[in-house]
Amino acid sequence: MSDTELFEMIPGSADLRCLPKPVIEMRDVAKALAKRDREARATLVKRRRRAGLTQSDVDRVFGMPDGWTREIESYDSDPTLSDLRRYEAIVTMAEYAETPNRGFGGGDS
């Protein structure tokens, strides 16, 4: 099938068999990426909780309005990469601060 024929195909239903193979593969990739994003966010939430931070703690550190972290953590949210990086930075700093002997005056250095 030529490229022209592929682009002329208009799916008549949600049945993936009617879609050209490149579209099916693109949807598979998109689904896999969305799943990876959800799993990464779930890991950040687990790390935040292990570090003893509440959603309100993260909001305060960022200087964000109440509920910002709740929105980032919600299943159907689509946070920006920079928001996720800020969130991870706070969690990482909290984890780092709880680790003894990191050179911040804790332990025998």
C-alpha atoms as a PDB file:
ATOM      1  CA  MET A   1       0.000   0.000   0.000  1.00  0.00           C
ATOM      2  CA  SER A   2       1.364   3.402  -0.935  1.00  0.00           C
ATOM      3  CA  ASP A   3       1.639   6.355   1.411  1.00  0.00           C
ATOM      4  CA  THR A   4      -1.168   8.053  -0.479  1.00  0.00           C
ATOM      5  CA  GLU A   5      -3.443   5.083   0.060  1.00  0.00           C
ATOM      6  CA  LEU A   6      -2.605   5.041   3.757  1.00  0.00           C
ATOM      7  CA  PHE A   7      -3.506   8.694   4.189  1.00  0.00           C
ATOM      8  CA  GLU A   8      -6.711   8.285   2.183  1.00  0.00           C
ATOM      9  CA  MET A   9      -7.981   5.649   4.602  1.00  0.00           C
ATOM     10  CA  ILE A  10     -10.531   7.136   6.968  1.00  0.00           C
ATOM     11  CA  PRO A  11     -11.368   4.922   9.902  1.00  0.00           C
ATOM     12  CA  GLY A  12     -15.051   4.186  10.076  1.00  0.00           C
ATOM     13  CA  SER A  13     -15.017   2.862  13.642  1.00  0.00           C
ATOM     14  CA  ALA A  14     -12.863   2.407  16.703  1.00  0.00           C
ATOM     15  CA  ASP A  15     -11.821  -1.002  15.391  1.00  0.00           C
ATOM     16  CA  LEU A  16      -8.052  -0.758  14.980  1.00  0.00           C
ATOM     17  CA  ARG A  17      -8.085  -3.266  12.131  1.00  0.00           C
ATOM     18  CA  CYS A  18      -9.444  -0.531   9.868  1.00  0.00           C
ATOM     19  CA  LEU A  19      -6.483   1.742  10.600  1.00  0.00           C
ATOM     20  CA  PRO A  20      -3.220   1.677   8.698  1.00  0.00           C
ATOM     21  CA  LYS A  21      -0.365  -0.024  10.553  1.00  0.00           C
ATOM     22  CA  PRO A  22       1.603   3.229  11.214  1.00  0.00           C
ATOM     23  CA  VAL A  23      -1.425   4.662  13.030  1.00  0.00           C
ATOM     24  CA  ILE A  24      -1.785   1.530  15.135  1.00  0.00           C
ATOM     25  CA  GLU A  25       1.888   1.687  16.071  1.00  0.00           C
ATOM     26  CA  MET A  26       1.633   5.407  16.881  1.00  0.00           C
ATOM     27  CA  ARG A  27      -1.326   4.738  19.190  1.00  0.00           C
ATOM     28  CA  ASP A  28       0.591   1.931  20.878  1.00  0.00           C
ATOM     29  CA  VAL A  29       3.532   4.248  21.433  1.00  0.00           C
ATOM     30  CA  ALA A  30       1.270   7.008  22.791  1.00  0.00           C
ATOM     31  CA  LYS A  31      -0.395   4.578  25.205  1.00  0.00           C
ATOM     32  CA  ALA A  32       2.969   3.253  26.369  1.00  0.00           C
ATOM     33  CA  LEU A  33       4.276   6.775  26.962  1.00  0.00           C
ATOM     34  CA  ALA A  34       1.139   7.764  28.896  1.00  0.00           C
ATOM     35  CA  LYS A  35       1.504   4.654  31.056  1.00  0.00           C
ATOM     36  CA  ARG A  36       5.163   5.469  31.709  1.00  0.00           C
ATOM     37  CA  ASP A  37       4.222   9.018  32.742  1.00  0.00           C
ATOM     38  CA  ARG A  38       1.568   7.742  35.186  1.00  0.00           C
ATOM     39  CA  GLU A  39       4.036   5.264  36.679  1.00  0.00           C
ATOM     40  CA  ALA A  40       6.711   7.948  37.064  1.00  0.00           C
ATOM     41  CA  ARG A  41       4.231  10.229  38.821  1.00  0.00           C
ATOM     42  CA  ALA A  42       3.129   7.384  41.110  1.00  0.00           C
ATOM     43  CA  THR A  43       6.784   6.790  42.013  1.00  0.00           C
ATOM     44  CA  LEU A  44       7.213  10.476  42.892  1.00  0.00           C
ATOM     45  CA  VAL A  45       4.144  10.335  45.148  1.00  0.00           C
ATOM     46  CA  LYS A  46       5.565   7.270  46.946  1.00  0.00           C
ATOM     47  CA  ARG A  47       8.907   9.033  47.366  1.00  0.00           C
ATOM     48  CA  ARG A  48       7.174  12.170  48.720  1.00  0.00           C
ATOM     49  CA  ARG A  49       5.310  10.118  51.286  1.00  0.00           C
ATOM     50  CA  ARG A  50       8.427   8.173  52.326  1.00  0.00           C
ATOM     51  CA  ALA A  51      10.225  11.489  52.809  1.00  0.00           C
ATOM     52  CA  GLY A  52       7.454  12.547  55.186  1.00  0.00           C
ATOM     53  CA  LEU A  53       6.214  15.427  53.038  1.00  0.00           C
ATOM     54  CA  THR A  54       2.557  16.307  52.727  1.00  0.00           C
ATOM     55  CA  GLN A  55       1.041  17.856  49.625  1.00  0.00           C
ATOM     56  CA  SER A  56       0.758  21.092  51.605  1.00  0.00           C
ATOM     57  CA  ASP A  57       4.493  20.951  52.411  1.00  0.00           C
ATOM     58  CA  VAL A  58       5.324  20.779  48.708  1.00  0.00           C
ATOM     59  CA  ASP A  59       2.883  23.615  47.941  1.00  0.00           C
ATOM     60  CA  ARG A  60       4.535  25.811  50.598  1.00  0.00           C
ATOM     61  CA  VAL A  61       8.095  25.100  49.424  1.00  0.00           C
ATOM     62  CA  PHE A  62       7.124  26.001  45.859  1.00  0.00           C
ATOM     63  CA  GLY A  63       5.122  29.017  46.992  1.00  0.00           C
ATOM     64  CA  MET A  64       2.204  27.581  45.060  1.00  0.00           C
ATOM     65  CA  PRO A  65      -1.477  27.889  45.963  1.00  0.00           C
ATOM     66  CA  ASP A  66      -3.029  25.174  48.106  1.00  0.00           C
ATOM     67  CA  GLY A  67      -3.978  22.207  45.958  1.00  0.00           C
ATOM     68  CA  TRP A  68      -1.215  22.597  43.370  1.00  0.00           C
ATOM     69  CA  THR A  69       0.445  19.336  44.396  1.00  0.00           C
ATOM     70  CA  ARG A  70      -2.894  17.560  44.590  1.00  0.00           C
ATOM     71  CA  GLU A  71      -3.512  18.572  40.971  1.00  0.00           C
ATOM     72  CA  ILE A  72      -0.047  17.409  39.866  1.00  0.00           C
ATOM     73  CA  GLU A  73      -0.626  14.056  41.545  1.00  0.00           C
ATOM     74  CA  SER A  74      -4.129  13.491  40.194  1.00  0.00           C
ATOM     75  CA  TYR A  75      -4.550  10.631  37.749  1.00  0.00           C
ATOM     76  CA  ASP A  76      -5.908  12.706  34.887  1.00  0.00           C
ATOM     77  CA  SER A  77      -3.590  15.694  35.178  1.00  0.00           C
ATOM     78  CA  ASP A  78      -1.093  16.622  32.493  1.00  0.00           C
ATOM     79  CA  PRO A  79       1.632  18.557  34.322  1.00  0.00           C
ATOM     80  CA  THR A  80       4.385  20.299  32.445  1.00  0.00           C
ATOM     81  CA  LEU A  81       7.862  18.841  32.489  1.00  0.00           C
ATOM     82  CA  SER A  82       9.127  21.840  34.461  1.00  0.00           C
ATOM     83  CA  ASP A  83       6.423  21.284  37.120  1.00  0.00           C
ATOM     84  CA  LEU A  84       7.437  17.634  37.435  1.00  0.00           C
ATOM     85  CA  ARG A  85      11.102  18.615  37.707  1.00  0.00           C
ATOM     86  CA  ARG A  86      10.321  21.119  40.492  1.00  0.00           C
ATOM     87  CA  TYR A  87       8.239  18.521  42.300  1.00  0.00           C
ATOM     88  CA  GLU A  88      11.009  15.936  42.001  1.00  0.00           C
ATOM     89  CA  ALA A  89      13.616  18.452  43.195  1.00  0.00           C
ATOM     90  CA  ILE A  90      11.684  19.055  46.428  1.00  0.00           C
ATOM     91  CA  VAL A  91      11.242  15.324  47.021  1.00  0.00           C
ATOM     92  CA  THR A  92      14.920  14.652  46.289  1.00  0.00           C
ATOM     93  CA  MET A  93      16.043  17.429  48.645  1.00  0.00           C
ATOM     94  CA  ALA A  94      13.821  16.007  51.405  1.00  0.00           C
ATOM     95  CA  GLU A  95      15.233  12.512  50.850  1.00  0.00           C
ATOM     96  CA  TYR A  96      18.780  13.875  50.818  1.00  0.00           C
ATOM     97  CA  ALA A  97      18.245  15.876  54.017  1.00  0.00           C
ATOM     98  CA  GLU A  98      17.027  12.758  55.841  1.00  0.00           C
ATOM     99  CA  THR A  99      20.133  10.766  54.900  1.00  0.00           C
ATOM    100  CA  PRO A 100      22.766  10.937  57.680  1.00  0.00           C
ATOM    101  CA  ASN A 101      26.320  12.147  57.089  1.00  0.00           C
ATOM    102  CA  ARG A 102      25.651  14.192  53.966  1.00  0.00           C
ATOM    103  CA  GLY A 103      27.947  17.032  54.973  1.00  0.00           C
ATOM    104  CA  PHE A 104      25.237  19.370  56.243  1.00  0.00           C
ATOM    105  CA  GLY A 105      26.475  19.325  59.809  1.00  0.00           C
ATOM    106  CA  GLY A 106      25.051  15.914  60.596  1.00  0.00           C
ATOM    107  CA  GLY A 107      27.249  13.117  61.868  1.00  0.00           C
ATOM    108  CA  ASP A 108      31.006  13.109  62.390  1.00  0.00           C
ATOM    109  CA  SER A 109      32.554  14.792  59.366  1.00  0.00           C
END
